[in-house]
Amino acid sequence: MPQELVIYGVYLPPSLVVGTLALLLAYATALGLNRAGLSQFFAAPGLVFAAMTVLYFVAVGTFLIPV
C-alpha cells in the first residue's frame, strides 16, 4: 500500500509526484529529440509525447517511487 509523500509539510499522493516527474522527463526527451532533428520522423509527435509520458510513469512508478 503506497504511503503519502511529505514535502515541506504537504502530503502528496505518490501518483502525483510520479506523474509530474514523468511529464518533466518526457518534456526533456522531446526537447532533445527536437534539437537533434529526430522528431521529424514521427507521424504524430503528440502521441509520441503521450506514449513517452506513460512509459516514464511506469518506469518511475516501478523503480523509484512505488505507486
C-alpha atoms as a PDB file:
ATOM      1  CA  MET A   1       0.000   0.000   0.000  1.00  0.00           C
ATOM      2  CA  PRO A   2       1.584   3.289  -1.065  1.00  0.00           C
ATOM      3  CA  GLN A   3       2.096   5.937   1.561  1.00  0.00           C
ATOM      4  CA  GLU A   4       1.732   9.670   1.128  1.00  0.00           C
ATOM      5  CA  LEU A   5       4.888  11.636   0.466  1.00  0.00           C
ATOM      6  CA  VAL A   6       5.582  14.605   2.710  1.00  0.00           C
ATOM      7  CA  ILE A   7       7.286  17.561   1.030  1.00  0.00           C
ATOM      8  CA  TYR A   8       7.693  20.610   3.289  1.00  0.00           C
ATOM      9  CA  GLY A   9       4.745  19.532   5.424  1.00  0.00           C
ATOM     10  CA  VAL A  10       2.390  18.964   2.479  1.00  0.00           C
ATOM     11  CA  TYR A  11       1.055  15.444   1.983  1.00  0.00           C
ATOM     12  CA  LEU A  12       1.097  14.385  -1.664  1.00  0.00           C
ATOM     13  CA  PRO A  13      -0.124  11.165  -3.258  1.00  0.00           C
ATOM     14  CA  PRO A  14       2.715   9.205  -4.866  1.00  0.00           C
ATOM     15  CA  SER A  15       0.971   9.118  -8.250  1.00  0.00           C
ATOM     16  CA  LEU A  16       1.009  12.935  -8.390  1.00  0.00           C
ATOM     17  CA  VAL A  17       4.760  13.027  -7.783  1.00  0.00           C
ATOM     18  CA  VAL A  18       5.412  10.202 -10.259  1.00  0.00           C
ATOM     19  CA  GLY A  19       3.175  11.830 -12.882  1.00  0.00           C
ATOM     20  CA  THR A  20       4.894  15.186 -12.536  1.00  0.00           C
ATOM     21  CA  LEU A  21       8.316  13.600 -12.784  1.00  0.00           C
ATOM     22  CA  ALA A  22       7.238  11.538 -15.801  1.00  0.00           C
ATOM     23  CA  LEU A  23       5.885  14.639 -17.534  1.00  0.00           C
ATOM     24  CA  LEU A  24       9.135  16.528 -16.932  1.00  0.00           C
ATOM     25  CA  LEU A  25      11.227  13.612 -18.217  1.00  0.00           C
ATOM     26  CA  ALA A  26       9.055  13.264 -21.338  1.00  0.00           C
ATOM     27  CA  TYR A  27       9.328  17.007 -21.960  1.00  0.00           C
ATOM     28  CA  ALA A  28      13.124  16.869 -21.644  1.00  0.00           C
ATOM     29  CA  THR A  29      13.241  13.913 -24.029  1.00  0.00           C
ATOM     30  CA  ALA A  30      11.020  15.723 -26.539  1.00  0.00           C
ATOM     31  CA  LEU A  31      13.273  18.779 -26.372  1.00  0.00           C
ATOM     32  CA  GLY A  32      16.300  16.579 -27.015  1.00  0.00           C
ATOM     33  CA  LEU A  33      14.596  14.924 -29.973  1.00  0.00           C
ATOM     34  CA  ASN A  34      13.609  18.324 -31.383  1.00  0.00           C
ATOM     35  CA  ARG A  35      17.132  19.710 -31.053  1.00  0.00           C
ATOM     36  CA  ALA A  36      18.622  16.618 -32.684  1.00  0.00           C
ATOM     37  CA  GLY A  37      16.086  16.876 -35.514  1.00  0.00           C
ATOM     38  CA  LEU A  38      14.708  13.402 -34.896  1.00  0.00           C
ATOM     39  CA  SER A  39      11.134  14.480 -34.218  1.00  0.00           C
ATOM     40  CA  GLN A  40      10.545  14.983 -37.936  1.00  0.00           C
ATOM     41  CA  PHE A  41      10.444  11.210 -38.365  1.00  0.00           C
ATOM     42  CA  PHE A  42       7.319  10.825 -36.208  1.00  0.00           C
ATOM     43  CA  ALA A  43       3.921  10.992 -37.897  1.00  0.00           C
ATOM     44  CA  ALA A  44       2.156  12.118 -34.714  1.00  0.00           C
ATOM     45  CA  PRO A  45       4.569  13.834 -32.287  1.00  0.00           C
ATOM     46  CA  GLY A  46       1.789  14.459 -29.761  1.00  0.00           C
ATOM     47  CA  LEU A  47       1.060  10.752 -29.496  1.00  0.00           C
ATOM     48  CA  VAL A  48       4.773  10.027 -29.117  1.00  0.00           C
ATOM     49  CA  PHE A  49       4.918  12.539 -26.260  1.00  0.00           C
ATOM     50  CA  ALA A  50       1.913  10.901 -24.590  1.00  0.00           C
ATOM     51  CA  ALA A  51       3.463   7.455 -25.023  1.00  0.00           C
ATOM     52  CA  MET A  52       6.767   8.660 -23.536  1.00  0.00           C
ATOM     53  CA  THR A  53       4.877  10.106 -20.573  1.00  0.00           C
ATOM     54  CA  VAL A  54       3.137   6.781 -19.938  1.00  0.00           C
ATOM     55  CA  LEU A  55       6.399   4.834 -20.295  1.00  0.00           C
ATOM     56  CA  TYR A  56       8.200   7.162 -17.899  1.00  0.00           C
ATOM     57  CA  PHE A  57       5.266   6.940 -15.468  1.00  0.00           C
ATOM     58  CA  VAL A  58       5.500   3.155 -15.427  1.00  0.00           C
ATOM     59  CA  ALA A  59       9.305   3.175 -15.138  1.00  0.00           C
ATOM     60  CA  VAL A  60       9.454   5.768 -12.351  1.00  0.00           C
ATOM     61  CA  GLY A  61       6.496   4.208 -10.563  1.00  0.00           C
ATOM     62  CA  THR A  62       8.136   0.796 -10.693  1.00  0.00           C
ATOM     63  CA  PHE A  63      11.746   1.589  -9.865  1.00  0.00           C
ATOM     64  CA  LEU A  64      11.927   4.907  -7.968  1.00  0.00           C
ATOM     65  CA  ILE A  65       8.651   5.663  -6.195  1.00  0.00           C
ATOM     66  CA  PRO A  66       6.328   2.677  -5.822  1.00  0.00           C
ATOM     67  CA  VAL A  67       2.780   3.585  -6.809  1.00  0.00           C
END
